[in-house]
Amino acid sequence: MRIMGIDYGEKRIGVAISDPLGITAQGLSTIDRTNIQADIQKILNILREKEVNEIVVGLPKHMNNTLGEKAQGVMAFVDLLKKHVTIPVNTIDERLSTVRAHKAMLEGDLSRKKRKNRVDMIAAQLILQGYLDGIKK
């Protein structure tokens, strides 16, 4: 069972995918946003290519657990994505995933340019791994 993790941002979409057993998450790619329809189409292409059975999208909640403007944009994306797929699309709290992604890359001594290009993909990987770990419990 392959699961896709998505970190939906204003400029880029980070994509990660699980191994076939749904145990570990690996960063897959970063999609540069153009328009919502093109973004959805790129995700649909990956879904078919990787034979994904489920999608989990990071939902950026505030520290007080409320949904802000960014979260509403993510929910609009999720609603549109659900209209294009027949597999489950879930959301998971992604608070601080981008901060953790930056920290992990700094610890890995990646250059600023490489960090910028990979942060969304790493955030998607962290979101997906958190989801997979939650399933195992």
N, C-alpha and C. Protein backbone atom coordinates (compact mmCIF):
# COMPACT_ATOMS: atom_id res chain seq x y z
N MET A 1 0.84 -1.18 0.00
CA MET A 1 0.00 0.00 0.00
C MET A 1 0.89 1.25 0.00
N ARG A 2 0.91 1.94 -1.09
CA ARG A 2 1.70 3.17 -1.19
C ARG A 2 0.85 4.38 -0.80
N ILE A 3 1.45 5.25 0.00
CA ILE A 3 0.78 6.47 0.42
C ILE A 3 1.64 7.65 -0.02
N MET A 4 0.99 8.68 -0.52
CA MET A 4 1.68 9.91 -0.93
C MET A 4 1.49 10.96 0.15
N GLY A 5 2.57 11.66 0.48
CA GLY A 5 2.50 12.79 1.39
C GLY A 5 2.71 14.08 0.61
N ILE A 6 1.93 15.10 0.94
CA ILE A 6 2.01 16.38 0.24
C ILE A 6 2.17 17.52 1.24
N ASP A 7 3.15 18.37 0.96
CA ASP A 7 3.30 19.64 1.67
C ASP A 7 2.92 20.72 0.67
N TYR A 8 1.72 21.27 0.82
CA TYR A 8 1.17 22.22 -0.14
C TYR A 8 1.54 23.63 0.29
N GLY A 9 2.35 24.30 -0.54
CA GLY A 9 2.78 25.65 -0.22
C GLY A 9 2.33 26.65 -1.26
N GLU A 10 2.62 27.91 -1.00
CA GLU A 10 2.22 28.98 -1.92
C GLU A 10 3.00 28.94 -3.23
N LYS A 11 4.27 28.56 -3.17
CA LYS A 11 5.12 28.55 -4.37
C LYS A 11 5.46 27.15 -4.86
N ARG A 12 5.51 26.20 -3.93
CA ARG A 12 5.92 24.84 -4.29
C ARG A 12 5.06 23.82 -3.54
N ILE A 13 5.04 22.62 -4.12
CA ILE A 13 4.37 21.48 -3.48
C ILE A 13 5.42 20.40 -3.28
N GLY A 14 5.65 20.03 -2.03
CA GLY A 14 6.56 18.94 -1.74
C GLY A 14 5.81 17.62 -1.81
N VAL A 15 6.47 16.62 -2.40
CA VAL A 15 5.83 15.31 -2.56
C VAL A 15 6.76 14.23 -2.00
N ALA A 16 6.18 13.35 -1.21
CA ALA A 16 6.90 12.18 -0.68
C ALA A 16 6.03 10.96 -0.92
N ILE A 17 6.66 9.81 -0.86
CA ILE A 17 5.93 8.56 -1.09
C ILE A 17 6.45 7.50 -0.12
N SER A 18 5.55 6.62 0.28
CA SER A 18 5.95 5.55 1.19
C SER A 18 6.50 4.38 0.40
N ASP A 19 7.19 3.50 1.12
CA ASP A 19 7.59 2.23 0.52
C ASP A 19 6.31 1.40 0.35
N PRO A 20 6.37 0.31 -0.42
CA PRO A 20 5.15 -0.49 -0.67
C PRO A 20 4.48 -1.03 0.59
N LEU A 21 5.24 -1.22 1.66
CA LEU A 21 4.67 -1.74 2.90
C LEU A 21 4.09 -0.64 3.79
N GLY A 22 4.30 0.62 3.43
CA GLY A 22 3.78 1.73 4.22
C GLY A 22 4.50 1.92 5.53
N ILE A 23 5.82 1.66 5.53
CA ILE A 23 6.61 1.77 6.76
C ILE A 23 7.45 3.05 6.77
N THR A 24 8.11 3.33 5.66
CA THR A 24 8.99 4.50 5.61
C THR A 24 8.58 5.45 4.49
N ALA A 25 8.89 6.73 4.70
CA ALA A 25 8.61 7.77 3.71
C ALA A 25 9.91 8.24 3.08
N GLN A 26 9.86 8.46 1.78
CA GLN A 26 11.01 9.00 1.05
C GLN A 26 10.55 10.24 0.29
N GLY A 27 11.39 11.28 0.32
CA GLY A 27 11.09 12.46 -0.48
C GLY A 27 11.13 12.08 -1.95
N LEU A 28 10.19 12.59 -2.73
CA LEU A 28 10.12 12.23 -4.14
C LEU A 28 10.46 13.41 -5.04
N SER A 29 9.76 14.54 -4.86
CA SER A 29 9.99 15.67 -5.75
C SER A 29 9.40 16.94 -5.17
N THR A 30 9.74 18.03 -5.82
CA THR A 30 9.15 19.33 -5.52
C THR A 30 8.52 19.84 -6.81
N ILE A 31 7.26 20.21 -6.74
CA ILE A 31 6.54 20.75 -7.89
C ILE A 31 6.49 22.26 -7.75
N ASP A 32 6.99 22.97 -8.75
CA ASP A 32 6.85 24.42 -8.77
C ASP A 32 5.42 24.75 -9.17
N ARG A 33 4.73 25.49 -8.32
CA ARG A 33 3.33 25.81 -8.57
C ARG A 33 3.17 26.70 -9.80
N THR A 34 2.17 26.43 -10.59
CA THR A 34 1.82 27.29 -11.73
C THR A 34 0.38 27.74 -11.55
N ASN A 35 -0.56 26.83 -11.79
CA ASN A 35 -1.97 27.10 -11.48
C ASN A 35 -2.56 25.82 -10.92
N ILE A 36 -3.67 25.94 -10.26
CA ILE A 36 -4.22 24.82 -9.51
C ILE A 36 -4.51 23.60 -10.39
N GLN A 37 -5.03 23.83 -11.59
CA GLN A 37 -5.34 22.69 -12.46
C GLN A 37 -4.06 21.96 -12.90
N ALA A 38 -3.03 22.73 -13.26
CA ALA A 38 -1.75 22.11 -13.65
C ALA A 38 -1.12 21.39 -12.47
N ASP A 39 -1.23 21.99 -11.28
CA ASP A 39 -0.68 21.36 -10.08
C ASP A 39 -1.37 20.02 -9.81
N ILE A 40 -2.69 20.01 -9.91
CA ILE A 40 -3.46 18.77 -9.70
C ILE A 40 -3.05 17.73 -10.74
N GLN A 41 -2.89 18.15 -11.98
CA GLN A 41 -2.53 17.21 -13.05
C GLN A 41 -1.17 16.56 -12.78
N LYS A 42 -0.21 17.35 -12.30
CA LYS A 42 1.12 16.79 -11.98
C LYS A 42 1.01 15.75 -10.87
N ILE A 43 0.18 16.04 -9.88
CA ILE A 43 -0.01 15.09 -8.79
C ILE A 43 -0.71 13.83 -9.30
N LEU A 44 -1.70 13.99 -10.16
CA LEU A 44 -2.39 12.82 -10.72
C LEU A 44 -1.44 11.94 -11.52
N ASN A 45 -0.51 12.56 -12.24
CA ASN A 45 0.49 11.80 -13.00
C ASN A 45 1.35 10.96 -12.06
N ILE A 46 1.77 11.55 -10.95
CA ILE A 46 2.59 10.82 -9.97
C ILE A 46 1.77 9.69 -9.35
N LEU A 47 0.50 9.97 -9.04
CA LEU A 47 -0.37 8.94 -8.45
C LEU A 47 -0.43 7.70 -9.34
N ARG A 48 -0.63 7.92 -10.62
CA ARG A 48 -0.71 6.80 -11.56
C ARG A 48 0.63 6.08 -11.68
N GLU A 49 1.69 6.87 -11.84
CA GLU A 49 3.02 6.29 -12.04
C GLU A 49 3.46 5.44 -10.84
N LYS A 50 3.19 5.92 -9.65
CA LYS A 50 3.65 5.24 -8.42
C LYS A 50 2.60 4.31 -7.82
N GLU A 51 1.42 4.22 -8.45
CA GLU A 51 0.35 3.35 -7.96
C GLU A 51 0.01 3.63 -6.49
N VAL A 52 -0.31 4.88 -6.22
CA VAL A 52 -0.61 5.34 -4.87
C VAL A 52 -2.04 4.94 -4.49
N ASN A 53 -2.21 4.50 -3.22
CA ASN A 53 -3.51 4.05 -2.72
C ASN A 53 -4.17 5.05 -1.78
N GLU A 54 -3.41 6.04 -1.32
CA GLU A 54 -3.93 7.00 -0.35
C GLU A 54 -3.05 8.24 -0.39
N ILE A 55 -3.65 9.39 -0.05
CA ILE A 55 -2.91 10.66 -0.01
C ILE A 55 -3.10 11.27 1.36
N VAL A 56 -2.03 11.83 1.90
CA VAL A 56 -2.12 12.60 3.13
C VAL A 56 -1.49 13.97 2.87
N VAL A 57 -2.23 15.01 3.23
CA VAL A 57 -1.80 16.39 2.99
C VAL A 57 -1.60 17.07 4.33
N GLY A 58 -0.47 17.74 4.48
CA GLY A 58 -0.19 18.46 5.71
C GLY A 58 -1.10 19.67 5.86
N LEU A 59 -1.71 19.82 7.03
CA LEU A 59 -2.60 20.94 7.32
C LEU A 59 -1.92 21.86 8.32
N PRO A 60 -1.58 23.09 7.89
CA PRO A 60 -0.83 24.00 8.76
C PRO A 60 -1.72 24.69 9.80
N LYS A 61 -1.80 24.10 10.97
CA LYS A 61 -2.58 24.69 12.06
C LYS A 61 -1.73 25.66 12.85
N HIS A 62 -2.41 26.64 13.47
CA HIS A 62 -1.72 27.54 14.39
C HIS A 62 -1.40 26.76 15.67
N MET A 63 -0.52 27.31 16.48
CA MET A 63 -0.13 26.64 17.71
C MET A 63 -1.31 26.46 18.66
N ASN A 64 -2.34 27.32 18.54
CA ASN A 64 -3.53 27.17 19.39
C ASN A 64 -4.58 26.25 18.75
N ASN A 65 -4.17 25.51 17.72
CA ASN A 65 -4.99 24.49 17.05
C ASN A 65 -6.08 25.06 16.14
N THR A 66 -6.02 26.35 15.82
CA THR A 66 -7.00 26.94 14.91
C THR A 66 -6.45 26.90 13.48
N LEU A 67 -7.36 27.06 12.52
CA LEU A 67 -6.98 27.09 11.12
C LEU A 67 -6.92 28.53 10.64
N GLY A 68 -5.81 28.88 10.01
CA GLY A 68 -5.65 30.22 9.48
C GLY A 68 -5.84 30.26 7.98
N GLU A 69 -5.38 31.33 7.38
CA GLU A 69 -5.53 31.54 5.94
C GLU A 69 -4.83 30.45 5.12
N LYS A 70 -3.61 30.09 5.52
CA LYS A 70 -2.88 29.04 4.78
C LYS A 70 -3.62 27.71 4.85
N ALA A 71 -4.15 27.39 6.01
CA ALA A 71 -4.88 26.13 6.17
C ALA A 71 -6.14 26.12 5.30
N GLN A 72 -6.79 27.25 5.17
CA GLN A 72 -7.98 27.32 4.32
C GLN A 72 -7.61 27.09 2.86
N GLY A 73 -6.44 27.60 2.44
CA GLY A 73 -5.96 27.35 1.09
C GLY A 73 -5.67 25.87 0.87
N VAL A 74 -5.09 25.23 1.88
CA VAL A 74 -4.82 23.79 1.80
C VAL A 74 -6.14 23.01 1.71
N MET A 75 -7.13 23.40 2.49
CA MET A 75 -8.41 22.70 2.46
C MET A 75 -9.10 22.85 1.10
N ALA A 76 -8.96 24.03 0.48
CA ALA A 76 -9.52 24.23 -0.86
C ALA A 76 -8.83 23.30 -1.87
N PHE A 77 -7.50 23.17 -1.73
CA PHE A 77 -6.74 22.25 -2.58
C PHE A 77 -7.19 20.81 -2.35
N VAL A 78 -7.35 20.42 -1.10
CA VAL A 78 -7.78 19.05 -0.76
C VAL A 78 -9.17 18.77 -1.34
N ASP A 79 -10.08 19.73 -1.21
CA ASP A 79 -11.43 19.54 -1.75
C ASP A 79 -11.39 19.34 -3.26
N LEU A 80 -10.56 20.11 -3.96
CA LEU A 80 -10.44 19.96 -5.41
C LEU A 80 -9.78 18.63 -5.77
N LEU A 81 -8.75 18.27 -5.03
CA LEU A 81 -8.06 17.00 -5.28
C LEU A 81 -9.03 15.82 -5.12
N LYS A 82 -9.88 15.87 -4.11
CA LYS A 82 -10.85 14.80 -3.86
C LYS A 82 -11.80 14.61 -5.05
N LYS A 83 -12.05 15.67 -5.80
CA LYS A 83 -12.94 15.58 -6.96
C LYS A 83 -12.28 14.87 -8.13
N HIS A 84 -10.94 14.74 -8.07
CA HIS A 84 -10.19 14.13 -9.18
C HIS A 84 -9.70 12.71 -8.89
N VAL A 85 -9.89 12.23 -7.67
CA VAL A 85 -9.37 10.91 -7.31
C VAL A 85 -10.46 10.07 -6.65
N THR A 86 -10.25 8.77 -6.67
CA THR A 86 -11.18 7.85 -6.00
C THR A 86 -10.55 7.24 -4.75
N ILE A 87 -9.30 7.59 -4.46
CA ILE A 87 -8.61 7.07 -3.28
C ILE A 87 -8.81 8.04 -2.11
N PRO A 88 -8.61 7.59 -0.87
CA PRO A 88 -8.76 8.48 0.28
C PRO A 88 -7.75 9.62 0.26
N VAL A 89 -8.22 10.81 0.62
CA VAL A 89 -7.35 11.99 0.79
C VAL A 89 -7.58 12.48 2.21
N ASN A 90 -6.55 12.40 3.04
CA ASN A 90 -6.64 12.79 4.44
C ASN A 90 -5.73 13.98 4.71
N THR A 91 -5.99 14.66 5.81
CA THR A 91 -5.09 15.73 6.26
C THR A 91 -4.51 15.33 7.61
N ILE A 92 -3.35 15.89 7.90
CA ILE A 92 -2.69 15.65 9.18
C ILE A 92 -2.05 16.96 9.62
N ASP A 93 -2.06 17.19 10.91
CA ASP A 93 -1.46 18.40 11.48
C ASP A 93 0.02 18.43 11.09
N GLU A 94 0.42 19.51 10.45
CA GLU A 94 1.81 19.61 10.00
C GLU A 94 2.57 20.73 10.72
N ARG A 95 2.09 21.14 11.87
CA ARG A 95 2.76 22.23 12.58
C ARG A 95 4.26 21.99 12.67
N LEU A 96 5.00 22.99 12.28
CA LEU A 96 6.46 23.02 12.39
C LEU A 96 7.18 22.03 11.47
N SER A 97 6.51 21.43 10.51
CA SER A 97 7.19 20.48 9.63
C SER A 97 8.26 21.16 8.79
N THR A 98 7.99 22.38 8.32
CA THR A 98 8.99 23.09 7.52
C THR A 98 10.17 23.50 8.39
N VAL A 99 9.90 23.88 9.63
CA VAL A 99 10.98 24.23 10.56
C VAL A 99 11.86 23.00 10.80
N ARG A 100 11.22 21.83 11.01
CA ARG A 100 11.98 20.60 11.22
C ARG A 100 12.77 20.21 9.97
N ALA A 101 12.19 20.47 8.79
CA ALA A 101 12.89 20.17 7.54
C ALA A 101 14.13 21.03 7.40
N HIS A 102 14.00 22.33 7.70
CA HIS A 102 15.17 23.22 7.64
C HIS A 102 16.24 22.76 8.62
N LYS A 103 15.83 22.40 9.83
CA LYS A 103 16.78 21.96 10.85
C LYS A 103 17.51 20.70 10.40
N ALA A 104 16.78 19.75 9.83
CA ALA A 104 17.40 18.50 9.36
C ALA A 104 18.41 18.78 8.26
N MET A 105 18.09 19.70 7.37
CA MET A 105 19.01 20.00 6.27
C MET A 105 20.23 20.77 6.76
N LEU A 106 20.04 21.64 7.75
CA LEU A 106 21.20 22.33 8.33
C LEU A 106 22.13 21.33 8.99
N GLU A 107 21.56 20.38 9.70
CA GLU A 107 22.37 19.35 10.33
C GLU A 107 23.08 18.49 9.30
N GLY A 108 22.47 18.35 8.12
CA GLY A 108 23.09 17.62 7.01
C GLY A 108 24.05 18.46 6.21
N ASP A 109 24.25 19.71 6.63
CA ASP A 109 25.22 20.63 6.03
C ASP A 109 24.93 20.90 4.55
N LEU A 110 23.65 21.01 4.19
CA LEU A 110 23.30 21.36 2.81
C LEU A 110 23.43 22.86 2.60
N SER A 111 23.84 23.24 1.41
CA SER A 111 23.98 24.65 1.08
C SER A 111 22.60 25.32 1.06
N ARG A 112 22.59 26.64 1.14
CA ARG A 112 21.35 27.40 1.15
C ARG A 112 20.52 27.11 -0.11
N LYS A 113 21.17 27.05 -1.27
CA LYS A 113 20.46 26.79 -2.52
C LYS A 113 19.82 25.40 -2.51
N LYS A 114 20.56 24.40 -2.07
CA LYS A 114 20.00 23.04 -2.01
C LYS A 114 18.86 22.96 -1.00
N ARG A 115 18.99 23.68 0.12
CA ARG A 115 17.92 23.69 1.12
C ARG A 115 16.64 24.26 0.53
N LYS A 116 16.77 25.37 -0.20
CA LYS A 116 15.59 26.02 -0.79
C LYS A 116 14.87 25.07 -1.74
N ASN A 117 15.64 24.33 -2.52
CA ASN A 117 15.05 23.43 -3.51
C ASN A 117 14.46 22.16 -2.90
N ARG A 118 14.86 21.82 -1.69
CA ARG A 118 14.44 20.54 -1.10
C ARG A 118 13.53 20.66 0.12
N VAL A 119 13.38 21.86 0.66
CA VAL A 119 12.68 21.99 1.94
C VAL A 119 11.24 21.47 1.86
N ASP A 120 10.54 21.73 0.77
CA ASP A 120 9.15 21.28 0.67
C ASP A 120 9.06 19.76 0.54
N MET A 121 10.00 19.18 -0.19
CA MET A 121 10.03 17.72 -0.33
C MET A 121 10.34 17.06 1.02
N ILE A 122 11.29 17.62 1.75
CA ILE A 122 11.64 17.07 3.07
C ILE A 122 10.47 17.25 4.03
N ALA A 123 9.79 18.40 3.97
CA ALA A 123 8.61 18.61 4.82
C ALA A 123 7.54 17.58 4.50
N ALA A 124 7.32 17.29 3.21
CA ALA A 124 6.35 16.26 2.81
C ALA A 124 6.75 14.90 3.37
N GLN A 125 8.05 14.62 3.35
CA GLN A 125 8.55 13.36 3.89
C GLN A 125 8.27 13.27 5.39
N LEU A 126 8.50 14.36 6.11
CA LEU A 126 8.25 14.37 7.55
C LEU A 126 6.75 14.23 7.86
N ILE A 127 5.92 14.90 7.06
CA ILE A 127 4.47 14.79 7.22
C ILE A 127 4.04 13.34 7.02
N LEU A 128 4.51 12.74 5.94
CA LEU A 128 4.13 11.36 5.63
C LEU A 128 4.65 10.39 6.68
N GLN A 129 5.89 10.56 7.12
CA GLN A 129 6.43 9.65 8.13
C GLN A 129 5.64 9.75 9.42
N GLY A 130 5.24 10.97 9.79
CA GLY A 130 4.39 11.14 10.98
C GLY A 130 3.07 10.41 10.84
N TYR A 131 2.50 10.46 9.66
CA TYR A 131 1.24 9.76 9.38
C TYR A 131 1.44 8.25 9.47
N LEU A 132 2.51 7.75 8.84
CA LEU A 132 2.80 6.32 8.86
C LEU A 132 3.03 5.83 10.28
N ASP A 133 3.77 6.61 11.06
CA ASP A 133 4.03 6.24 12.45
C ASP A 133 2.73 6.19 13.26
N GLY A 134 1.81 7.10 12.96
CA GLY A 134 0.51 7.12 13.64
C GLY A 134 -0.34 5.92 13.30
N ILE A 135 -0.23 5.43 12.07
CA ILE A 135 -0.99 4.24 11.65
C ILE A 135 -0.50 3.01 12.41
N LYS A 136 0.81 2.95 12.64
CA LYS A 136 1.41 1.77 13.28
C LYS A 136 1.02 1.62 14.74
N LYS A 137 0.63 2.73 15.37
CA LYS A 137 0.34 2.68 16.82
C LYS A 137 -0.96 1.99 17.12
